[in-house]
Amino acid sequence: MMGRLSISIAGYVLLFLLLGGFTACSPAISKKVREEAGDAVPFEALLKQIDDYKGRVVIVGGYILETANETDGSRITVLQAPLDSQNRPKSSDLSEGRFMVTSNEFLDPVVYSKERRVTVGGKVIGSQERELGNLTYVYPVIEAMEIHLWSKEGEYIGPYYPYYDPWYRRPYRYRYPYW
């Protein structure tokens, strides 16, 4: 009887660990929005044919350039970057352009600060022209359904990554053993 009980407890522990591992690698944008978006829209195509994609749900991401709050909500200007399988923006060196995100919520510019990585699932609502240096740049505008702000580079993000010492109270990347 005791042998069977320990096997079933071990089975539950294993199942719990496996399920926890699957959720740790899940995409940043919900399944509902990913299903609405369907196949990924190449950003280059979106830039060239913004009106063709009006009303379509897309998932895009990149690096925040500016966050501005207005009377009707917030606007984020983003330097686009390709996304990996978890919808995390890759290197900004791979950027194909810029886009804007609108949200009817207040997004604090200190939190949504310059160079933070962000992934957005939302509807293409049109375009906006803005001055960029000596030229006029046409930004695709995405109305946010979901916004995922990624942790800062080098920021402490969990109890076991990359090293955890419960008695050491500030964020750090690596700490050598006491010996």
N, C-alpha and C. Protein backbone atom coordinates (compact mmCIF):
# COMPACT_ATOMS: atom_id res chain seq x y z
N MET A 1 0.83 -1.19 0.00
CA MET A 1 0.00 0.00 0.00
C MET A 1 0.87 1.25 0.00
N MET A 2 1.92 1.26 0.83
CA MET A 2 2.79 2.43 0.91
C MET A 2 3.53 2.64 -0.41
N GLY A 3 3.93 1.58 -1.09
CA GLY A 3 4.62 1.68 -2.37
C GLY A 3 3.73 2.32 -3.44
N ARG A 4 2.46 1.96 -3.47
CA ARG A 4 1.53 2.54 -4.44
C ARG A 4 1.30 4.02 -4.15
N LEU A 5 1.23 4.39 -2.90
CA LEU A 5 1.00 5.78 -2.53
C LEU A 5 2.18 6.64 -2.95
N SER A 6 3.40 6.17 -2.74
CA SER A 6 4.56 6.97 -3.11
C SER A 6 4.68 7.11 -4.63
N ILE A 7 4.26 6.10 -5.38
CA ILE A 7 4.29 6.20 -6.84
C ILE A 7 3.29 7.25 -7.31
N SER A 8 2.10 7.24 -6.74
CA SER A 8 1.10 8.21 -7.20
C SER A 8 1.51 9.63 -6.81
N ILE A 9 2.11 9.83 -5.67
CA ILE A 9 2.59 11.15 -5.28
C ILE A 9 3.72 11.59 -6.22
N ALA A 10 4.62 10.66 -6.52
CA ALA A 10 5.71 10.98 -7.45
C ALA A 10 5.15 11.32 -8.83
N GLY A 11 4.11 10.60 -9.23
CA GLY A 11 3.46 10.89 -10.52
C GLY A 11 2.86 12.29 -10.55
N TYR A 12 2.20 12.69 -9.46
CA TYR A 12 1.62 14.03 -9.39
C TYR A 12 2.70 15.11 -9.40
N VAL A 13 3.79 14.84 -8.68
CA VAL A 13 4.89 15.80 -8.67
C VAL A 13 5.48 15.95 -10.07
N LEU A 14 5.68 14.85 -10.76
CA LEU A 14 6.21 14.90 -12.12
C LEU A 14 5.26 15.65 -13.07
N LEU A 15 3.98 15.37 -12.96
CA LEU A 15 2.98 16.05 -13.78
C LEU A 15 3.00 17.55 -13.50
N PHE A 16 3.06 17.93 -12.25
CA PHE A 16 3.10 19.35 -11.86
C PHE A 16 4.33 20.03 -12.45
N LEU A 17 5.49 19.37 -12.38
CA LEU A 17 6.71 19.96 -12.92
C LEU A 17 6.64 20.09 -14.44
N LEU A 18 6.08 19.10 -15.12
CA LEU A 18 5.95 19.17 -16.57
C LEU A 18 5.01 20.29 -16.99
N LEU A 19 3.86 20.41 -16.32
CA LEU A 19 2.92 21.48 -16.66
C LEU A 19 3.52 22.85 -16.38
N GLY A 20 4.26 22.96 -15.30
CA GLY A 20 4.94 24.22 -14.99
C GLY A 20 5.96 24.57 -16.05
N GLY A 21 6.65 23.58 -16.59
CA GLY A 21 7.63 23.81 -17.64
C GLY A 21 6.99 24.28 -18.94
N PHE A 22 5.80 23.75 -19.25
CA PHE A 22 5.12 24.17 -20.48
C PHE A 22 4.64 25.61 -20.39
N THR A 23 4.17 26.03 -19.24
CA THR A 23 3.67 27.39 -19.13
C THR A 23 4.81 28.40 -19.11
N ALA A 24 5.99 28.00 -18.70
CA ALA A 24 7.12 28.92 -18.65
C ALA A 24 7.57 29.32 -20.06
N CYS A 25 7.28 28.51 -21.05
CA CYS A 25 7.71 28.79 -22.42
C CYS A 25 6.55 29.22 -23.31
N SER A 26 5.43 29.59 -22.72
CA SER A 26 4.28 29.97 -23.54
C SER A 26 4.47 31.36 -24.14
N PRO A 27 3.84 31.60 -25.28
CA PRO A 27 3.97 32.91 -25.94
C PRO A 27 3.41 34.04 -25.07
N ALA A 28 3.88 35.25 -25.34
CA ALA A 28 3.51 36.42 -24.56
C ALA A 28 2.08 36.86 -24.82
N ILE A 29 1.57 36.58 -26.00
CA ILE A 29 0.22 37.00 -26.39
C ILE A 29 -0.73 35.82 -26.25
N SER A 30 -1.94 36.09 -25.77
CA SER A 30 -2.90 35.02 -25.49
C SER A 30 -3.27 34.23 -26.75
N LYS A 31 -3.74 33.02 -26.52
CA LYS A 31 -4.14 32.14 -27.61
C LYS A 31 -5.27 32.76 -28.42
N LYS A 32 -6.20 33.42 -27.76
CA LYS A 32 -7.34 34.05 -28.43
C LYS A 32 -6.86 35.07 -29.47
N VAL A 33 -5.95 35.95 -29.07
CA VAL A 33 -5.45 36.98 -29.99
C VAL A 33 -4.60 36.35 -31.08
N ARG A 34 -3.80 35.33 -30.73
CA ARG A 34 -2.98 34.65 -31.74
C ARG A 34 -3.86 33.99 -32.79
N GLU A 35 -4.99 33.40 -32.37
CA GLU A 35 -5.91 32.78 -33.31
C GLU A 35 -6.57 33.82 -34.21
N GLU A 36 -6.94 34.98 -33.62
CA GLU A 36 -7.52 36.07 -34.43
C GLU A 36 -6.52 36.59 -35.46
N ALA A 37 -5.24 36.64 -35.06
CA ALA A 37 -4.20 37.15 -35.96
C ALA A 37 -3.93 36.19 -37.11
N GLY A 38 -4.07 34.90 -36.86
CA GLY A 38 -3.80 33.91 -37.91
C GLY A 38 -2.33 33.90 -38.31
N ASP A 39 -2.07 33.76 -39.60
CA ASP A 39 -0.69 33.74 -40.09
C ASP A 39 -0.03 35.09 -39.88
N ALA A 40 1.26 35.05 -39.58
CA ALA A 40 2.01 36.28 -39.34
C ALA A 40 2.07 37.14 -40.60
N VAL A 41 1.92 38.43 -40.41
CA VAL A 41 2.03 39.38 -41.51
C VAL A 41 3.47 39.87 -41.55
N PRO A 42 4.17 39.72 -42.68
CA PRO A 42 5.53 40.26 -42.76
C PRO A 42 5.49 41.77 -42.56
N PHE A 43 6.35 42.27 -41.68
CA PHE A 43 6.32 43.70 -41.35
C PHE A 43 6.57 44.57 -42.58
N GLU A 44 7.43 44.11 -43.45
CA GLU A 44 7.73 44.86 -44.67
C GLU A 44 6.46 45.04 -45.52
N ALA A 45 5.63 44.00 -45.59
CA ALA A 45 4.37 44.08 -46.33
C ALA A 45 3.40 45.04 -45.64
N LEU A 46 3.36 44.99 -44.32
CA LEU A 46 2.51 45.90 -43.56
C LEU A 46 2.90 47.35 -43.82
N LEU A 47 4.19 47.63 -43.84
CA LEU A 47 4.67 48.99 -44.10
C LEU A 47 4.26 49.49 -45.49
N LYS A 48 4.36 48.62 -46.48
CA LYS A 48 4.10 49.03 -47.86
C LYS A 48 2.61 49.13 -48.18
N GLN A 49 1.78 48.34 -47.49
CA GLN A 49 0.36 48.27 -47.81
C GLN A 49 -0.49 48.36 -46.56
N ILE A 50 -0.32 49.43 -45.81
CA ILE A 50 -1.03 49.58 -44.53
C ILE A 50 -2.53 49.49 -44.72
N ASP A 51 -3.06 50.15 -45.73
CA ASP A 51 -4.51 50.15 -45.95
C ASP A 51 -5.07 48.76 -46.25
N ASP A 52 -4.28 47.89 -46.89
CA ASP A 52 -4.73 46.53 -47.18
C ASP A 52 -4.93 45.71 -45.90
N TYR A 53 -4.23 46.06 -44.83
CA TYR A 53 -4.31 45.31 -43.58
C TYR A 53 -5.20 45.99 -42.54
N LYS A 54 -5.86 47.09 -42.91
CA LYS A 54 -6.74 47.80 -41.98
C LYS A 54 -7.82 46.86 -41.45
N GLY A 55 -7.99 46.83 -40.13
CA GLY A 55 -8.97 45.97 -39.49
C GLY A 55 -8.45 44.59 -39.15
N ARG A 56 -7.28 44.24 -39.62
CA ARG A 56 -6.70 42.91 -39.36
C ARG A 56 -5.94 42.92 -38.03
N VAL A 57 -6.05 41.81 -37.30
CA VAL A 57 -5.30 41.64 -36.05
C VAL A 57 -3.90 41.14 -36.40
N VAL A 58 -2.89 41.78 -35.84
CA VAL A 58 -1.49 41.40 -36.06
C VAL A 58 -0.77 41.31 -34.71
N ILE A 59 0.34 40.61 -34.73
CA ILE A 59 1.22 40.55 -33.56
C ILE A 59 2.57 41.08 -34.00
N VAL A 60 2.99 42.16 -33.38
CA VAL A 60 4.25 42.81 -33.72
C VAL A 60 4.98 43.15 -32.43
N GLY A 61 6.27 43.38 -32.54
CA GLY A 61 7.04 43.73 -31.36
C GLY A 61 8.30 44.46 -31.73
N GLY A 62 8.98 44.91 -30.69
CA GLY A 62 10.22 45.63 -30.91
C GLY A 62 10.67 46.34 -29.65
N TYR A 63 11.32 47.48 -29.87
CA TYR A 63 11.92 48.25 -28.78
C TYR A 63 11.27 49.62 -28.70
N ILE A 64 10.81 50.00 -27.52
CA ILE A 64 10.13 51.28 -27.32
C ILE A 64 11.09 52.43 -27.60
N LEU A 65 10.62 53.37 -28.41
CA LEU A 65 11.37 54.60 -28.67
C LEU A 65 10.81 55.75 -27.85
N GLU A 66 9.48 55.78 -27.67
CA GLU A 66 8.84 56.88 -26.95
C GLU A 66 7.46 56.44 -26.47
N THR A 67 7.08 56.91 -25.29
CA THR A 67 5.73 56.71 -24.77
C THR A 67 5.15 58.07 -24.45
N ALA A 68 3.99 58.38 -25.01
CA ALA A 68 3.34 59.66 -24.78
C ALA A 68 1.91 59.43 -24.33
N ASN A 69 1.47 60.21 -23.35
CA ASN A 69 0.10 60.11 -22.87
C ASN A 69 -0.68 61.31 -23.36
N GLU A 70 -1.89 61.03 -23.85
CA GLU A 70 -2.77 62.04 -24.39
C GLU A 70 -4.09 61.97 -23.64
N THR A 71 -5.01 62.85 -23.93
CA THR A 71 -6.27 62.88 -23.19
C THR A 71 -7.09 61.61 -23.35
N ASP A 72 -6.99 60.95 -24.49
CA ASP A 72 -7.79 59.75 -24.74
C ASP A 72 -7.03 58.44 -24.56
N GLY A 73 -5.81 58.49 -24.06
CA GLY A 73 -5.04 57.27 -23.84
C GLY A 73 -3.56 57.49 -24.05
N SER A 74 -2.87 56.44 -24.44
CA SER A 74 -1.41 56.50 -24.61
C SER A 74 -1.01 56.08 -26.01
N ARG A 75 0.16 56.54 -26.42
CA ARG A 75 0.73 56.19 -27.72
C ARG A 75 2.18 55.79 -27.50
N ILE A 76 2.56 54.64 -28.05
CA ILE A 76 3.94 54.16 -27.96
C ILE A 76 4.50 54.10 -29.37
N THR A 77 5.68 54.65 -29.56
CA THR A 77 6.39 54.52 -30.82
C THR A 77 7.42 53.42 -30.64
N VAL A 78 7.43 52.45 -31.56
CA VAL A 78 8.25 51.25 -31.40
C VAL A 78 9.13 51.04 -32.63
N LEU A 79 10.39 50.67 -32.39
CA LEU A 79 11.29 50.22 -33.44
C LEU A 79 11.04 48.72 -33.59
N GLN A 80 10.50 48.32 -34.73
CA GLN A 80 10.12 46.92 -34.95
C GLN A 80 11.34 46.01 -34.90
N ALA A 81 11.12 44.79 -34.39
CA ALA A 81 12.12 43.73 -34.41
C ALA A 81 11.38 42.41 -34.65
N PRO A 82 11.97 41.48 -35.38
CA PRO A 82 11.31 40.17 -35.58
C PRO A 82 11.09 39.48 -34.24
N LEU A 83 10.08 38.62 -34.19
CA LEU A 83 9.72 37.92 -32.95
C LEU A 83 10.17 36.47 -33.00
N ASP A 84 10.53 35.93 -31.82
CA ASP A 84 10.87 34.51 -31.74
C ASP A 84 9.60 33.71 -31.46
N SER A 85 9.72 32.43 -31.13
CA SER A 85 8.56 31.56 -30.95
C SER A 85 7.71 31.92 -29.72
N GLN A 86 8.28 32.65 -28.76
CA GLN A 86 7.51 33.11 -27.61
C GLN A 86 7.03 34.55 -27.80
N ASN A 87 7.16 35.08 -29.01
CA ASN A 87 6.79 36.45 -29.34
C ASN A 87 7.70 37.48 -28.69
N ARG A 88 8.91 37.08 -28.33
CA ARG A 88 9.89 38.00 -27.75
C ARG A 88 10.65 38.66 -28.90
N PRO A 89 10.79 40.01 -28.87
CA PRO A 89 11.55 40.67 -29.93
C PRO A 89 13.02 40.26 -29.93
N LYS A 90 13.53 39.99 -31.12
CA LYS A 90 14.94 39.66 -31.28
C LYS A 90 15.74 40.97 -31.34
N SER A 91 16.91 40.93 -31.89
CA SER A 91 17.79 42.10 -31.94
C SER A 91 17.18 43.27 -32.71
N SER A 92 17.39 44.47 -32.19
CA SER A 92 16.92 45.67 -32.90
C SER A 92 17.69 45.89 -34.19
N ASP A 93 18.85 45.26 -34.35
CA ASP A 93 19.62 45.37 -35.59
C ASP A 93 18.87 44.76 -36.78
N LEU A 94 17.89 43.90 -36.51
CA LEU A 94 17.12 43.24 -37.56
C LEU A 94 15.84 44.00 -37.92
N SER A 95 15.69 45.21 -37.40
CA SER A 95 14.48 46.00 -37.60
C SER A 95 14.22 46.32 -39.07
N GLU A 96 12.92 46.34 -39.41
CA GLU A 96 12.50 46.71 -40.76
C GLU A 96 11.74 48.03 -40.76
N GLY A 97 11.66 48.70 -39.62
CA GLY A 97 10.96 49.98 -39.58
C GLY A 97 10.40 50.28 -38.21
N ARG A 98 9.40 51.14 -38.21
CA ARG A 98 8.77 51.60 -36.97
C ARG A 98 7.26 51.47 -37.07
N PHE A 99 6.61 51.44 -35.90
CA PHE A 99 5.16 51.46 -35.86
C PHE A 99 4.71 52.15 -34.58
N MET A 100 3.43 52.49 -34.52
CA MET A 100 2.85 53.12 -33.33
C MET A 100 1.78 52.22 -32.75
N VAL A 101 1.64 52.28 -31.44
CA VAL A 101 0.63 51.53 -30.73
C VAL A 101 -0.22 52.53 -29.96
N THR A 102 -1.54 52.40 -30.07
CA THR A 102 -2.43 53.23 -29.27
C THR A 102 -3.12 52.35 -28.24
N SER A 103 -3.34 52.93 -27.08
CA SER A 103 -4.04 52.22 -26.01
C SER A 103 -4.95 53.22 -25.31
N ASN A 104 -6.15 52.80 -24.92
CA ASN A 104 -7.03 53.71 -24.20
C ASN A 104 -6.71 53.75 -22.71
N GLU A 105 -5.69 53.02 -22.28
CA GLU A 105 -5.25 53.01 -20.89
C GLU A 105 -4.05 53.92 -20.72
N PHE A 106 -3.82 54.35 -19.49
CA PHE A 106 -2.63 55.13 -19.17
C PHE A 106 -1.44 54.18 -19.08
N LEU A 107 -0.41 54.44 -19.86
CA LEU A 107 0.82 53.65 -19.83
C LEU A 107 1.92 54.57 -19.32
N ASP A 108 2.41 54.30 -18.14
CA ASP A 108 3.39 55.16 -17.51
C ASP A 108 4.70 55.18 -18.30
N PRO A 109 5.16 56.37 -18.73
CA PRO A 109 6.40 56.46 -19.50
C PRO A 109 7.65 55.98 -18.75
N VAL A 110 7.59 55.96 -17.43
CA VAL A 110 8.72 55.45 -16.66
C VAL A 110 8.79 53.94 -16.77
N VAL A 111 7.64 53.29 -16.76
CA VAL A 111 7.58 51.83 -16.91
C VAL A 111 7.79 51.45 -18.37
N TYR A 112 7.05 52.08 -19.27
CA TYR A 112 7.17 51.83 -20.70
C TYR A 112 8.26 52.76 -21.24
N SER A 113 9.46 52.54 -20.78
CA SER A 113 10.57 53.46 -21.06
C SER A 113 11.33 53.07 -22.32
N LYS A 114 12.14 53.99 -22.78
CA LYS A 114 12.92 53.81 -24.00
C LYS A 114 13.78 52.55 -23.91
N GLU A 115 13.82 51.81 -25.02
CA GLU A 115 14.62 50.60 -25.22
C GLU A 115 14.08 49.36 -24.52
N ARG A 116 12.91 49.44 -23.84
CA ARG A 116 12.29 48.23 -23.30
C ARG A 116 11.69 47.44 -24.45
N ARG A 117 11.76 46.13 -24.35
CA ARG A 117 11.15 45.27 -25.36
C ARG A 117 9.65 45.15 -25.09
N VAL A 118 8.87 45.16 -26.17
CA VAL A 118 7.43 45.09 -26.05
C VAL A 118 6.87 44.25 -27.20
N THR A 119 5.82 43.48 -26.90
CA THR A 119 5.10 42.73 -27.92
C THR A 119 3.64 43.14 -27.83
N VAL A 120 3.04 43.38 -28.98
CA VAL A 120 1.67 43.89 -29.04
C VAL A 120 0.83 43.01 -29.95
N GLY A 121 -0.36 42.67 -29.48
CA GLY A 121 -1.37 42.05 -30.32
C GLY A 121 -2.48 43.06 -30.47
N GLY A 122 -2.81 43.41 -31.69
CA GLY A 122 -3.85 44.42 -31.87
C GLY A 122 -4.28 44.57 -33.31
N LYS A 123 -5.22 45.49 -33.52
CA LYS A 123 -5.83 45.73 -34.83
C LYS A 123 -5.12 46.88 -35.54
N VAL A 124 -4.85 46.70 -36.82
CA VAL A 124 -4.30 47.77 -37.64
C VAL A 124 -5.44 48.76 -37.89
N ILE A 125 -5.25 50.03 -37.45
CA ILE A 125 -6.33 51.01 -37.61
C ILE A 125 -5.99 52.09 -38.63
N GLY A 126 -4.80 52.03 -39.19
CA GLY A 126 -4.44 53.01 -40.20
C GLY A 126 -2.98 53.38 -40.13
N SER A 127 -2.70 54.62 -40.54
CA SER A 127 -1.32 55.10 -40.55
C SER A 127 -1.28 56.53 -40.05
N GLN A 128 -0.08 56.96 -39.71
CA GLN A 128 0.13 58.34 -39.28
C GLN A 128 1.48 58.81 -39.79
N GLU A 129 1.50 60.00 -40.36
CA GLU A 129 2.74 60.58 -40.86
C GLU A 129 3.35 61.46 -39.77
N ARG A 130 4.65 61.31 -39.59
CA ARG A 130 5.39 62.11 -38.62
C ARG A 130 6.75 62.45 -39.20
N GLU A 131 7.30 63.55 -38.75
CA GLU A 131 8.65 63.92 -39.17
C GLU A 131 9.66 63.01 -38.48
N LEU A 132 10.62 62.52 -39.23
CA LEU A 132 11.70 61.69 -38.71
C LEU A 132 12.98 62.20 -39.36
N GLY A 133 13.68 63.04 -38.63
CA GLY A 133 14.85 63.70 -39.21
C GLY A 133 14.40 64.66 -40.29
N ASN A 134 14.93 64.51 -41.49
CA ASN A 134 14.58 65.39 -42.61
C ASN A 134 13.51 64.81 -43.51
N LEU A 135 12.89 63.72 -43.12
CA LEU A 135 11.87 63.12 -43.99
C LEU A 135 10.57 62.89 -43.24
N THR A 136 9.54 62.61 -43.99
CA THR A 136 8.24 62.27 -43.40
C THR A 136 8.10 60.76 -43.44
N TYR A 137 7.90 60.16 -42.27
CA TYR A 137 7.81 58.71 -42.14
C TYR A 137 6.35 58.33 -41.91
N VAL A 138 5.90 57.28 -42.58
CA VAL A 138 4.53 56.79 -42.42
C VAL A 138 4.56 55.58 -41.46
N TYR A 139 3.94 55.75 -40.30
CA TYR A 139 3.89 54.71 -39.27
C TYR A 139 2.59 53.92 -39.37
N PRO A 140 2.65 52.60 -39.42
CA PRO A 140 1.42 51.83 -39.22
C PRO A 140 0.96 52.04 -37.77
N VAL A 141 -0.33 52.17 -37.56
CA VAL A 141 -0.86 52.37 -36.21
C VAL A 141 -1.67 51.15 -35.81
N ILE A 142 -1.30 50.58 -34.66
CA ILE A 142 -1.94 49.37 -34.12
C ILE A 142 -2.72 49.75 -32.87
N GLU A 143 -3.99 49.40 -32.84
CA GLU A 143 -4.79 49.61 -31.63
C GLU A 143 -4.61 48.37 -30.75
N ALA A 144 -4.01 48.55 -29.59
CA ALA A 144 -3.63 47.41 -28.74
C ALA A 144 -4.83 46.67 -28.17
N MET A 145 -4.79 45.35 -28.31
CA MET A 145 -5.71 44.47 -27.61
C MET A 145 -4.98 43.90 -26.39
N GLU A 146 -3.68 43.59 -26.58
CA GLU A 146 -2.81 43.10 -25.50
C GLU A 146 -1.42 43.70 -25.70
N ILE A 147 -0.81 44.08 -24.59
CA ILE A 147 0.57 44.57 -24.62
C ILE A 147 1.35 43.77 -23.60
N HIS A 148 2.47 43.20 -24.05
CA HIS A 148 3.35 42.47 -23.13
C HIS A 148 4.68 43.21 -23.06
N LEU A 149 5.01 43.71 -21.88
CA LEU A 149 6.27 44.41 -21.65
C LEU A 149 7.25 43.40 -21.07
N TRP A 150 8.38 43.22 -21.74
CA TRP A 150 9.38 42.25 -21.30
C TRP A 150 10.27 42.84 -20.23
N SER A 151 10.86 41.99 -19.39
CA SER A 151 11.76 42.46 -18.34
C SER A 151 12.99 43.11 -18.96
N LYS A 152 13.59 44.01 -18.20
CA LYS A 152 14.78 44.70 -18.68
C LYS A 152 15.95 43.73 -18.77
N GLU A 153 16.87 44.00 -19.70
CA GLU A 153 18.06 43.17 -19.84
C GLU A 153 18.85 43.21 -18.53
N GLY A 154 19.28 42.06 -18.06
CA GLY A 154 20.09 41.99 -16.85
C GLY A 154 19.27 42.11 -15.58
N GLU A 155 17.95 42.27 -15.69
CA GLU A 155 17.11 42.40 -14.52
C GLU A 155 16.86 41.03 -13.90
N TYR A 156 16.82 40.97 -12.58
CA TYR A 156 16.53 39.75 -11.87
C TYR A 156 15.10 39.32 -12.21
N ILE A 157 14.92 38.12 -12.76
CA ILE A 157 13.59 37.73 -13.23
C ILE A 157 13.02 36.48 -12.58
N GLY A 158 13.65 35.90 -11.60
CA GLY A 158 13.04 34.73 -10.99
C GLY A 158 13.94 34.11 -9.96
N PRO A 159 13.39 33.19 -9.19
CA PRO A 159 14.16 32.63 -8.08
C PRO A 159 15.33 31.74 -8.48
N TYR A 160 15.38 31.26 -9.72
CA TYR A 160 16.47 30.36 -10.08
C TYR A 160 17.28 30.84 -11.27
N TYR A 161 17.04 32.04 -11.78
CA TYR A 161 17.75 32.48 -12.97
C TYR A 161 18.51 33.74 -12.69
N PRO A 162 19.74 33.87 -13.03
CA PRO A 162 20.64 32.77 -13.32
C PRO A 162 21.19 32.14 -12.05
N TYR A 163 21.06 32.82 -10.91
CA TYR A 163 21.49 32.27 -9.64
C TYR A 163 20.65 32.92 -8.57
N TYR A 164 20.29 32.19 -7.54
CA TYR A 164 19.42 32.75 -6.52
C TYR A 164 20.01 32.52 -5.14
N ASP A 165 20.10 33.59 -4.39
CA ASP A 165 20.53 33.54 -2.99
C ASP A 165 19.45 34.26 -2.19
N PRO A 166 18.64 33.55 -1.40
CA PRO A 166 17.51 34.19 -0.72
C PRO A 166 17.94 35.25 0.30
N TRP A 167 19.19 35.26 0.71
CA TRP A 167 19.65 36.23 1.71
C TRP A 167 20.24 37.48 1.08
N TYR A 168 20.38 37.48 -0.22
CA TYR A 168 20.95 38.64 -0.93
C TYR A 168 19.78 39.40 -1.53
N ARG A 169 19.57 40.67 -1.18
CA ARG A 169 18.31 41.35 -1.46
C ARG A 169 18.28 42.27 -2.67
N ARG A 170 19.29 42.39 -3.48
CA ARG A 170 19.18 43.27 -4.64
C ARG A 170 19.35 42.48 -5.93
N PRO A 171 18.83 43.02 -7.05
CA PRO A 171 18.97 42.31 -8.32
C PRO A 171 20.43 42.20 -8.74
N TYR A 172 20.79 41.08 -9.30
CA TYR A 172 22.15 40.87 -9.77
C TYR A 172 22.13 39.77 -10.82
N ARG A 173 23.16 39.71 -11.61
CA ARG A 173 23.22 38.68 -12.65
C ARG A 173 23.90 37.42 -12.16
N TYR A 174 25.10 37.52 -11.64
CA TYR A 174 25.82 36.32 -11.22
C TYR A 174 26.45 36.57 -9.87
N ARG A 175 26.54 35.53 -9.09
CA ARG A 175 27.18 35.63 -7.79
C ARG A 175 27.92 34.31 -7.57
N TYR A 176 29.15 34.41 -7.17
CA TYR A 176 29.97 33.21 -6.99
C TYR A 176 29.63 32.52 -5.68
N PRO A 177 29.85 31.21 -5.60
CA PRO A 177 29.61 30.49 -4.34
C PRO A 177 30.51 31.02 -3.23
N TYR A 178 30.15 30.71 -2.02
CA TYR A 178 30.87 31.25 -0.86
C TYR A 178 32.26 30.65 -0.66
N TRP A 179 32.56 29.53 -1.30
CA TRP A 179 33.85 28.91 -1.08
C TRP A 179 34.80 29.60 -1.97
